[in-house]
Amino acid sequence: MSEEKARGEAPRIDVKIGDEELKGRYSNLLRIAHTREEFILDFIHLVPPQGIVTARVVTSPSHLKRIVQALASNLARYEEAHGVVPLSEPPDLRGVH
């Protein structure tokens, strides 16, 4: 039994990241589509009158549920430390093709 497992911790995983991914991608809009087998998340940089997909993530429904739970948990911790994040108005998509 590993030390992490004995202490009830998740095992450590070494993760490599390429230079392009390390730069990150900006997104101010998210488009979500799904089929029975997968969710497609298109992260979009919207500068009216146009948007461009800067990243696409395709994942299974069960993994998406874990992502949603992790995001909610992290947002709660963030708000506990820094205050409530106000919900902004959605972008004005009139005229965007």
PDB file of N, CA and C in Angstrom:
ATOM      1  N   MET A   1       0.856  -1.171   0.000  1.00  0.00           N
ATOM      2  CA  MET A   1       0.000   0.000   0.000  1.00  0.00           C
ATOM      3  C   MET A   1       0.903   1.236   0.000  1.00  0.00           C
ATOM      4  N   SER A   2       0.608   2.197  -0.870  1.00  0.00           N
ATOM      5  CA  SER A   2       1.434   3.397  -0.941  1.00  0.00           C
ATOM      6  C   SER A   2       1.183   4.288   0.270  1.00  0.00           C
ATOM      7  N   GLU A   3       2.150   5.185   0.529  1.00  0.00           N
ATOM      8  CA  GLU A   3       2.002   6.121   1.649  1.00  0.00           C
ATOM      9  C   GLU A   3       0.783   7.001   1.482  1.00  0.00           C
ATOM     10  N   GLU A   4       0.564   7.503   0.216  1.00  0.00           N
ATOM     11  CA  GLU A   4      -0.586   8.387  -0.031  1.00  0.00           C
ATOM     12  C   GLU A   4      -1.897   7.670   0.282  1.00  0.00           C
ATOM     13  N   LYS A   5      -1.988   6.416  -0.176  1.00  0.00           N
ATOM     14  CA  LYS A   5      -3.217   5.653   0.048  1.00  0.00           C
ATOM     15  C   LYS A   5      -3.420   5.397   1.539  1.00  0.00           C
ATOM     16  N   ALA A   6      -2.354   5.097   2.261  1.00  0.00           N
ATOM     17  CA  ALA A   6      -2.441   4.848   3.698  1.00  0.00           C
ATOM     18  C   ALA A   6      -2.921   6.091   4.441  1.00  0.00           C
ATOM     19  N   ARG A   7      -2.536   7.279   3.956  1.00  0.00           N
ATOM     20  CA  ARG A   7      -2.954   8.533   4.602  1.00  0.00           C
ATOM     21  C   ARG A   7      -4.282   9.045   4.060  1.00  0.00           C
ATOM     22  N   GLY A   8      -4.879   8.325   3.100  1.00  0.00           N
ATOM     23  CA  GLY A   8      -6.151   8.750   2.534  1.00  0.00           C
ATOM     24  C   GLY A   8      -6.000   9.877   1.519  1.00  0.00           C
ATOM     25  N   GLU A   9      -4.797  10.047   0.967  1.00  0.00           N
ATOM     26  CA  GLU A   9      -4.549  11.102  -0.009  1.00  0.00           C
ATOM     27  C   GLU A   9      -4.618  10.530  -1.418  1.00  0.00           C
ATOM     28  N   ALA A  10      -4.930  11.397  -2.368  1.00  0.00           N
ATOM     29  CA  ALA A  10      -4.897  10.978  -3.772  1.00  0.00           C
ATOM     30  C   ALA A  10      -3.438  10.808  -4.181  1.00  0.00           C
ATOM     31  N   PRO A  11      -3.145   9.817  -5.021  1.00  0.00           N
ATOM     32  CA  PRO A  11      -1.757   9.633  -5.460  1.00  0.00           C
ATOM     33  C   PRO A  11      -1.295  10.841  -6.281  1.00  0.00           C
ATOM     34  N   ARG A  12      -0.013  11.138  -6.198  1.00  0.00           N
ATOM     35  CA  ARG A  12       0.555  12.243  -6.965  1.00  0.00           C
ATOM     36  C   ARG A  12       0.800  11.761  -8.390  1.00  0.00           C
ATOM     37  N   ILE A  13       0.484  12.622  -9.326  1.00  0.00           N
ATOM     38  CA  ILE A  13       0.671  12.305 -10.735  1.00  0.00           C
ATOM     39  C   ILE A  13       1.556  13.387 -11.341  1.00  0.00           C
ATOM     40  N   ASP A  14       2.646  12.975 -11.972  1.00  0.00           N
ATOM     41  CA  ASP A  14       3.479  13.927 -12.691  1.00  0.00           C
ATOM     42  C   ASP A  14       2.770  14.311 -13.974  1.00  0.00           C
ATOM     43  N   VAL A  15       2.647  15.608 -14.221  1.00  0.00           N
ATOM     44  CA  VAL A  15       1.972  16.098 -15.416  1.00  0.00           C
ATOM     45  C   VAL A  15       2.938  16.972 -16.184  1.00  0.00           C
ATOM     46  N   LYS A  16       3.085  16.678 -17.471  1.00  0.00           N
ATOM     47  CA  LYS A  16       3.916  17.499 -18.342  1.00  0.00           C
ATOM     48  C   LYS A  16       3.010  18.441 -19.105  1.00  0.00           C
ATOM     49  N   ILE A  17       3.502  19.645 -19.392  1.00  0.00           N
ATOM     50  CA  ILE A  17       2.734  20.610 -20.159  1.00  0.00           C
ATOM     51  C   ILE A  17       3.648  21.253 -21.189  1.00  0.00           C
ATOM     52  N   GLY A  18       3.185  21.281 -22.425  1.00  0.00           N
ATOM     53  CA  GLY A  18       3.965  21.876 -23.505  1.00  0.00           C
ATOM     54  C   GLY A  18       3.971  23.394 -23.413  1.00  0.00           C
ATOM     55  N   ASP A  19       4.900  24.002 -24.110  1.00  0.00           N
ATOM     56  CA  ASP A  19       5.034  25.462 -24.079  1.00  0.00           C
ATOM     57  C   ASP A  19       3.762  26.174 -24.537  1.00  0.00           C
ATOM     58  N   GLU A  20       3.110  25.675 -25.577  1.00  0.00           N
ATOM     59  CA  GLU A  20       1.886  26.322 -26.079  1.00  0.00           C
ATOM     60  C   GLU A  20       0.763  26.252 -25.044  1.00  0.00           C
ATOM     61  N   GLU A  21       0.601  25.096 -24.416  1.00  0.00           N
ATOM     62  CA  GLU A  21      -0.441  24.954 -23.406  1.00  0.00           C
ATOM     63  C   GLU A  21      -0.131  25.784 -22.171  1.00  0.00           C
ATOM     64  N   LEU A  22       1.148  25.924 -21.858  1.00  0.00           N
ATOM     65  CA  LEU A  22       1.564  26.690 -20.688  1.00  0.00           C
ATOM     66  C   LEU A  22       1.149  28.159 -20.798  1.00  0.00           C
ATOM     67  N   LYS A  23       1.073  28.669 -22.013  1.00  0.00           N
ATOM     68  CA  LYS A  23       0.658  30.054 -22.237  1.00  0.00           C
ATOM     69  C   LYS A  23      -0.797  30.270 -21.836  1.00  0.00           C
ATOM     70  N   GLY A  24      -1.613  29.227 -21.943  1.00  0.00           N
ATOM     71  CA  GLY A  24      -3.034  29.349 -21.629  1.00  0.00           C
ATOM     72  C   GLY A  24      -3.799  29.923 -22.803  1.00  0.00           C
ATOM     73  N   ARG A  25      -5.106  29.917 -22.689  1.00  0.00           N
ATOM     74  CA  ARG A  25      -5.999  30.466 -23.703  1.00  0.00           C
ATOM     75  C   ARG A  25      -7.032  31.322 -23.000  1.00  0.00           C
ATOM     76  N   TYR A  26      -7.321  32.476 -23.557  1.00  0.00           N
ATOM     77  CA  TYR A  26      -8.333  33.358 -22.970  1.00  0.00           C
ATOM     78  C   TYR A  26      -9.704  32.970 -23.504  1.00  0.00           C
ATOM     79  N   SER A  27     -10.690  32.982 -22.647  1.00  0.00           N
ATOM     80  CA  SER A  27     -12.063  32.696 -23.037  1.00  0.00           C
ATOM     81  C   SER A  27     -13.008  33.568 -22.230  1.00  0.00           C
ATOM     82  N   ASN A  28     -13.963  34.181 -22.920  1.00  0.00           N
ATOM     83  CA  ASN A  28     -14.994  34.939 -22.218  1.00  0.00           C
ATOM     84  C   ASN A  28     -16.392  34.460 -22.599  1.00  0.00           C
ATOM     85  N   LEU A  29     -16.445  33.296 -23.241  1.00  0.00           N
ATOM     86  CA  LEU A  29     -17.724  32.690 -23.612  1.00  0.00           C
ATOM     87  C   LEU A  29     -17.513  31.178 -23.705  1.00  0.00           C
ATOM     88  N   LEU A  30     -18.507  30.426 -23.293  1.00  0.00           N
ATOM     89  CA  LEU A  30     -18.434  28.968 -23.356  1.00  0.00           C
ATOM     90  C   LEU A  30     -19.668  28.437 -24.062  1.00  0.00           C
ATOM     91  N   ARG A  31     -19.455  27.626 -25.076  1.00  0.00           N
ATOM     92  CA  ARG A  31     -20.566  26.964 -25.780  1.00  0.00           C
ATOM     93  C   ARG A  31     -20.477  25.481 -25.436  1.00  0.00           C
ATOM     94  N   ILE A  32     -21.608  24.914 -25.023  1.00  0.00           N
ATOM     95  CA  ILE A  32     -21.645  23.510 -24.607  1.00  0.00           C
ATOM     96  C   ILE A  32     -22.624  22.745 -25.491  1.00  0.00           C
ATOM     97  N   ALA A  33     -22.170  21.619 -26.010  1.00  0.00           N
ATOM     98  CA  ALA A  33     -23.027  20.707 -26.764  1.00  0.00           C
ATOM     99  C   ALA A  33     -22.812  19.311 -26.191  1.00  0.00           C
ATOM    100  N   HIS A  34     -23.748  18.413 -26.460  1.00  0.00           N
ATOM    101  CA  HIS A  34     -23.551  17.046 -25.969  1.00  0.00           C
ATOM    102  C   HIS A  34     -24.266  16.044 -26.845  1.00  0.00           C
ATOM    103  N   THR A  35     -23.738  14.844 -26.798  1.00  0.00           N
ATOM    104  CA  THR A  35     -24.383  13.671 -27.367  1.00  0.00           C
ATOM    105  C   THR A  35     -24.640  12.726 -26.197  1.00  0.00           C
ATOM    106  N   ARG A  36     -25.124  11.571 -26.470  1.00  0.00           N
ATOM    107  CA  ARG A  36     -25.332  10.596 -25.385  1.00  0.00           C
ATOM    108  C   ARG A  36     -24.014  10.198 -24.730  1.00  0.00           C
ATOM    109  N   GLU A  37     -22.942  10.172 -25.507  1.00  0.00           N
ATOM    110  CA  GLU A  37     -21.658   9.665 -25.020  1.00  0.00           C
ATOM    111  C   GLU A  37     -20.683  10.716 -24.531  1.00  0.00           C
ATOM    112  N   GLU A  38     -20.863  11.988 -24.926  1.00  0.00           N
ATOM    113  CA  GLU A  38     -19.840  12.977 -24.582  1.00  0.00           C
ATOM    114  C   GLU A  38     -20.382  14.394 -24.526  1.00  0.00           C
ATOM    115  N   PHE A  39     -19.637  15.234 -23.822  1.00  0.00           N
ATOM    116  CA  PHE A  39     -19.891  16.672 -23.787  1.00  0.00           C
ATOM    117  C   PHE A  39     -18.771  17.359 -24.552  1.00  0.00           C
ATOM    118  N   ILE A  40     -19.127  18.381 -25.306  1.00  0.00           N
ATOM    119  CA  ILE A  40     -18.163  19.173 -26.055  1.00  0.00           C
ATOM    120  C   ILE A  40     -18.210  20.588 -25.504  1.00  0.00           C
ATOM    121  N   LEU A  41     -17.089  21.050 -24.968  1.00  0.00           N
ATOM    122  CA  LEU A  41     -16.988  22.397 -24.394  1.00  0.00           C
ATOM    123  C   LEU A  41     -16.108  23.232 -25.321  1.00  0.00           C
ATOM    124  N   ASP A  42     -16.696  24.238 -25.953  1.00  0.00           N
ATOM    125  CA  ASP A  42     -15.939  25.154 -26.799  1.00  0.00           C
ATOM    126  C   ASP A  42     -15.712  26.444 -26.024  1.00  0.00           C
ATOM    127  N   PHE A  43     -14.452  26.721 -25.711  1.00  0.00           N
ATOM    128  CA  PHE A  43     -14.073  27.950 -25.033  1.00  0.00           C
ATOM    129  C   PHE A  43     -13.804  28.983 -26.120  1.00  0.00           C
ATOM    130  N   ILE A  44     -14.512  30.108 -26.059  1.00  0.00           N
ATOM    131  CA  ILE A  44     -14.517  31.090 -27.138  1.00  0.00           C
ATOM    132  C   ILE A  44     -14.000  32.425 -26.631  1.00  0.00           C
ATOM    133  N   HIS A  45     -13.193  33.089 -27.450  1.00  0.00           N
ATOM    134  CA  HIS A  45     -12.793  34.474 -27.198  1.00  0.00           C
ATOM    135  C   HIS A  45     -13.684  35.326 -28.091  1.00  0.00           C
ATOM    136  N   LEU A  46     -14.631  36.017 -27.461  1.00  0.00           N
ATOM    137  CA  LEU A  46     -15.606  36.815 -28.184  1.00  0.00           C
ATOM    138  C   LEU A  46     -15.161  38.263 -28.231  1.00  0.00           C
ATOM    139  N   VAL A  47     -14.952  38.750 -29.444  1.00  0.00           N
ATOM    140  CA  VAL A  47     -14.704  40.171 -29.692  1.00  0.00           C
ATOM    141  C   VAL A  47     -15.669  40.542 -30.809  1.00  0.00           C
ATOM    142  N   PRO A  48     -16.849  41.097 -30.450  1.00  0.00           N
ATOM    143  CA  PRO A  48     -17.857  41.351 -31.473  1.00  0.00           C
ATOM    144  C   PRO A  48     -17.266  42.125 -32.651  1.00  0.00           C
ATOM    145  N   PRO A  49     -17.655  41.785 -33.838  1.00  0.00           N
ATOM    146  CA  PRO A  49     -18.813  40.938 -34.183  1.00  0.00           C
ATOM    147  C   PRO A  49     -18.470  39.469 -34.377  1.00  0.00           C
ATOM    148  N   GLN A  50     -17.358  39.007 -33.840  1.00  0.00           N
ATOM    149  CA  GLN A  50     -16.929  37.640 -34.112  1.00  0.00           C
ATOM    150  C   GLN A  50     -16.364  36.981 -32.863  1.00  0.00           C
ATOM    151  N   GLY A  51     -16.466  35.667 -32.828  1.00  0.00           N
ATOM    152  CA  GLY A  51     -15.830  34.888 -31.772  1.00  0.00           C
ATOM    153  C   GLY A  51     -14.963  33.820 -32.409  1.00  0.00           C
ATOM    154  N   ILE A  52     -13.937  33.402 -31.681  1.00  0.00           N
ATOM    155  CA  ILE A  52     -13.073  32.333 -32.178  1.00  0.00           C
ATOM    156  C   ILE A  52     -12.902  31.304 -31.064  1.00  0.00           C
ATOM    157  N   VAL A  53     -13.028  30.024 -31.416  1.00  0.00           N
ATOM    158  CA  VAL A  53     -12.819  28.955 -30.440  1.00  0.00           C
ATOM    159  C   VAL A  53     -11.325  28.887 -30.157  1.00  0.00           C
ATOM    160  N   THR A  54     -10.954  29.081 -28.903  1.00  0.00           N
ATOM    161  CA  THR A  54      -9.549  29.041 -28.513  1.00  0.00           C
ATOM    162  C   THR A  54      -9.154  27.681 -27.951  1.00  0.00           C
ATOM    163  N   ALA A  55     -10.147  26.913 -27.515  1.00  0.00           N
ATOM    164  CA  ALA A  55      -9.874  25.565 -27.011  1.00  0.00           C
ATOM    165  C   ALA A  55     -11.171  24.767 -27.041  1.00  0.00           C
ATOM    166  N   ARG A  56     -11.038  23.483 -27.311  1.00  0.00           N
ATOM    167  CA  ARG A  56     -12.190  22.570 -27.267  1.00  0.00           C
ATOM    168  C   ARG A  56     -11.820  21.408 -26.362  1.00  0.00           C
ATOM    169  N   VAL A  57     -12.730  21.086 -25.441  1.00  0.00           N
ATOM    170  CA  VAL A  57     -12.546  19.945 -24.551  1.00  0.00           C
ATOM    171  C   VAL A  57     -13.722  18.999 -24.774  1.00  0.00           C
ATOM    172  N   VAL A  58     -13.410  17.750 -25.046  1.00  0.00           N
ATOM    173  CA  VAL A  58     -14.429  16.719 -25.224  1.00  0.00           C
ATOM    174  C   VAL A  58     -14.235  15.723 -24.082  1.00  0.00           C
ATOM    175  N   THR A  59     -15.322  15.433 -23.350  1.00  0.00           N
ATOM    176  CA  THR A  59     -15.197  14.559 -22.188  1.00  0.00           C
ATOM    177  C   THR A  59     -16.483  13.750 -21.987  1.00  0.00           C
ATOM    178  N   SER A  60     -16.398  12.747 -21.154  1.00  0.00           N
ATOM    179  CA  SER A  60     -17.561  11.896 -20.878  1.00  0.00           C
ATOM    180  C   SER A  60     -18.498  12.592 -19.888  1.00  0.00           C
ATOM    181  N   PRO A  61     -19.781  12.206 -19.881  1.00  0.00           N
ATOM    182  CA  PRO A  61     -20.716  12.799 -18.927  1.00  0.00           C
ATOM    183  C   PRO A  61     -20.278  12.627 -17.467  1.00  0.00           C
ATOM    184  N   SER A  62     -19.755  11.446 -17.114  1.00  0.00           N
ATOM    185  CA  SER A  62     -19.361  11.245 -15.716  1.00  0.00           C
ATOM    186  C   SER A  62     -18.148  12.100 -15.353  1.00  0.00           C
ATOM    187  N   HIS A  63     -17.223  12.273 -16.277  1.00  0.00           N
ATOM    188  CA  HIS A  63     -16.074  13.138 -15.979  1.00  0.00           C
ATOM    189  C   HIS A  63     -16.507  14.599 -15.915  1.00  0.00           C
ATOM    190  N   LEU A  64     -17.446  15.002 -16.778  1.00  0.00           N
ATOM    191  CA  LEU A  64     -17.956  16.378 -16.715  1.00  0.00           C
ATOM    192  C   LEU A  64     -18.576  16.644 -15.344  1.00  0.00           C
ATOM    193  N   LYS A  65     -19.267  15.665 -14.797  1.00  0.00           N
ATOM    194  CA  LYS A  65     -19.878  15.838 -13.471  1.00  0.00           C
ATOM    195  C   LYS A  65     -18.796  16.073 -12.412  1.00  0.00           C
ATOM    196  N   ARG A  66     -17.673  15.351 -12.511  1.00  0.00           N
ATOM    197  CA  ARG A  66     -16.566  15.581 -11.574  1.00  0.00           C
ATOM    198  C   ARG A  66     -15.949  16.960 -11.781  1.00  0.00           C
ATOM    199  N   ILE A  67     -15.868  17.404 -13.035  1.00  0.00           N
ATOM    200  CA  ILE A  67     -15.351  18.751 -13.328  1.00  0.00           C
ATOM    201  C   ILE A  67     -16.249  19.802 -12.685  1.00  0.00           C
ATOM    202  N   VAL A  68     -17.564  19.660 -12.860  1.00  0.00           N
ATOM    203  CA  VAL A  68     -18.520  20.614 -12.275  1.00  0.00           C
ATOM    204  C   VAL A  68     -18.377  20.643 -10.756  1.00  0.00           C
ATOM    205  N   GLN A  69     -18.254  19.480 -10.123  1.00  0.00           N
ATOM    206  CA  GLN A  69     -18.087  19.427  -8.666  1.00  0.00           C
ATOM    207  C   GLN A  69     -16.784  20.092  -8.235  1.00  0.00           C
ATOM    208  N   ALA A  70     -15.705  19.846  -8.976  1.00  0.00           N
ATOM    209  CA  ALA A  70     -14.412  20.463  -8.641  1.00  0.00           C
ATOM    210  C   ALA A  70     -14.468  21.977  -8.816  1.00  0.00           C
ATOM    211  N   LEU A  71     -15.118  22.449  -9.876  1.00  0.00           N
ATOM    212  CA  LEU A  71     -15.254  23.895 -10.086  1.00  0.00           C
ATOM    213  C   LEU A  71     -16.070  24.537  -8.961  1.00  0.00           C
ATOM    214  N   ALA A  72     -17.181  23.897  -8.586  1.00  0.00           N
ATOM    215  CA  ALA A  72     -18.027  24.437  -7.508  1.00  0.00           C
ATOM    216  C   ALA A  72     -17.257  24.492  -6.192  1.00  0.00           C
ATOM    217  N   SER A  73     -16.502  23.451  -5.892  1.00  0.00           N
ATOM    218  CA  SER A  73     -15.710  23.409  -4.669  1.00  0.00           C
ATOM    219  C   SER A  73     -14.643  24.504  -4.659  1.00  0.00           C
ATOM    220  N   ASN A  74     -13.954  24.662  -5.779  1.00  0.00           N
ATOM    221  CA  ASN A  74     -12.911  25.690  -5.863  1.00  0.00           C
ATOM    222  C   ASN A  74     -13.494  27.091  -5.810  1.00  0.00           C
ATOM    223  N   LEU A  75     -14.639  27.319  -6.448  1.00  0.00           N
ATOM    224  CA  LEU A  75     -15.276  28.636  -6.389  1.00  0.00           C
ATOM    225  C   LEU A  75     -15.708  28.955  -4.961  1.00  0.00           C
ATOM    226  N   ALA A  76     -16.230  27.959  -4.249  1.00  0.00           N
ATOM    227  CA  ALA A  76     -16.631  28.179  -2.850  1.00  0.00           C
ATOM    228  C   ALA A  76     -15.426  28.561  -1.998  1.00  0.00           C
ATOM    229  N   ARG A  77     -14.298  27.878  -2.185  1.00  0.00           N
ATOM    230  CA  ARG A  77     -13.089  28.220  -1.429  1.00  0.00           C
ATOM    231  C   ARG A  77     -12.580  29.613  -1.800  1.00  0.00           C
ATOM    232  N   TYR A  78     -12.645  29.947  -3.073  1.00  0.00           N
ATOM    233  CA  TYR A  78     -12.222  31.273  -3.530  1.00  0.00           C
ATOM    234  C   TYR A  78     -13.078  32.356  -2.874  1.00  0.00           C
ATOM    235  N   GLU A  79     -14.405  32.166  -2.904  1.00  0.00           N
ATOM    236  CA  GLU A  79     -15.309  33.163  -2.324  1.00  0.00           C
ATOM    237  C   GLU A  79     -15.141  33.257  -0.814  1.00  0.00           C
ATOM    238  N   GLU A  80     -14.825  32.157  -0.182  1.00  0.00           N
ATOM    239  CA  GLU A  80     -14.572  32.187   1.260  1.00  0.00           C
ATOM    240  C   GLU A  80     -13.348  33.052   1.563  1.00  0.00           C
ATOM    241  N   ALA A  81     -12.355  32.981   0.713  1.00  0.00           N
ATOM    242  CA  ALA A  81     -11.119  33.738   0.932  1.00  0.00           C
ATOM    243  C   ALA A  81     -11.203  35.175   0.431  1.00  0.00           C
ATOM    244  N   HIS A  82     -11.951  35.415  -0.659  1.00  0.00           N
ATOM    245  CA  HIS A  82     -11.904  36.717  -1.326  1.00  0.00           C
ATOM    246  C   HIS A  82     -13.241  37.437  -1.437  1.00  0.00           C
ATOM    247  N   GLY A  83     -14.310  36.824  -0.982  1.00  0.00           N
ATOM    248  CA  GLY A  83     -15.630  37.441  -1.085  1.00  0.00           C
ATOM    249  C   GLY A  83     -16.410  36.895  -2.276  1.00  0.00           C
ATOM    250  N   VAL A  84     -17.698  37.151  -2.249  1.00  0.00           N
ATOM    251  CA  VAL A  84     -18.599  36.625  -3.268  1.00  0.00           C
ATOM    252  C   VAL A  84     -18.298  37.265  -4.624  1.00  0.00           C
ATOM    253  N   VAL A  85     -18.241  36.428  -5.637  1.00  0.00           N
ATOM    254  CA  VAL A  85     -18.028  36.900  -7.002  1.00  0.00           C
ATOM    255  C   VAL A  85     -19.395  37.251  -7.584  1.00  0.00           C
ATOM    256  N   PRO A  86     -19.590  38.509  -8.002  1.00  0.00           N
ATOM    257  CA  PRO A  86     -20.887  38.862  -8.576  1.00  0.00           C
ATOM    258  C   PRO A  86     -21.041  38.239  -9.964  1.00  0.00           C
ATOM    259  N   LEU A  87     -22.251  37.859 -10.304  1.00  0.00           N
ATOM    260  CA  LEU A  87     -22.540  37.298 -11.608  1.00  0.00           C
ATOM    261  C   LEU A  87     -22.696  38.449 -12.590  1.00  0.00           C
ATOM    262  N   SER A  88     -21.871  38.475 -13.618  1.00  0.00           N
ATOM    263  CA  SER A  88     -21.931  39.563 -14.590  1.00  0.00           C
ATOM    264  C   SER A  88     -23.013  39.293 -15.621  1.00  0.00           C
ATOM    265  N   GLU A  89     -23.365  40.333 -16.349  1.00  0.00           N
ATOM    266  CA  GLU A  89     -24.330  40.187 -17.431  1.00  0.00           C
ATOM    267  C   GLU A  89     -23.716  39.349 -18.539  1.00  0.00           C
ATOM    268  N   PRO A  90     -24.513  38.539 -19.206  1.00  0.00           N
ATOM    269  CA  PRO A  90     -23.971  37.769 -20.335  1.00  0.00           C
ATOM    270  C   PRO A  90     -23.584  38.716 -21.478  1.00  0.00           C
ATOM    271  N   PRO A  91     -22.678  38.268 -22.347  1.00  0.00           N
ATOM    272  CA  PRO A  91     -22.280  39.143 -23.450  1.00  0.00           C
ATOM    273  C   PRO A  91     -23.438  39.401 -24.408  1.00  0.00           C
ATOM    274  N   ASP A  92     -23.407  40.546 -25.045  1.00  0.00           N
ATOM    275  CA  ASP A  92     -24.420  40.902 -26.044  1.00  0.00           C
ATOM    276  C   ASP A  92     -24.046  40.208 -27.348  1.00  0.00           C
ATOM    277  N   LEU A  93     -24.818  39.235 -27.751  1.00  0.00           N
ATOM    278  CA  LEU A  93     -24.497  38.439 -28.936  1.00  0.00           C
ATOM    279  C   LEU A  93     -25.225  38.926 -30.184  1.00  0.00           C
ATOM    280  N   ARG A  94     -25.955  40.040 -30.071  1.00  0.00           N
ATOM    281  CA  ARG A  94     -26.617  40.561 -31.273  1.00  0.00           C
ATOM    282  C   ARG A  94     -25.574  40.972 -32.298  1.00  0.00           C
ATOM    283  N   GLY A  95     -25.772  40.528 -33.507  1.00  0.00           N
ATOM    284  CA  GLY A  95     -24.852  40.869 -34.576  1.00  0.00           C
ATOM    285  C   GLY A  95     -23.660  39.947 -34.685  1.00  0.00           C
ATOM    286  N   VAL A  96     -23.528  38.980 -33.774  1.00  0.00           N
ATOM    287  CA  VAL A  96     -22.418  38.034 -33.846  1.00  0.00           C
ATOM    288  C   VAL A  96     -22.852  36.879 -34.730  1.00  0.00           C
ATOM    289  N   HIS A  97     -22.040  36.499 -35.685  1.00  0.00           N
ATOM    290  CA  HIS A  97     -22.371  35.409 -36.607  1.00  0.00           C
ATOM    291  C   HIS A  97     -21.704  34.147 -36.203  1.00  0.00           C
TER     292      HIS A  97
END
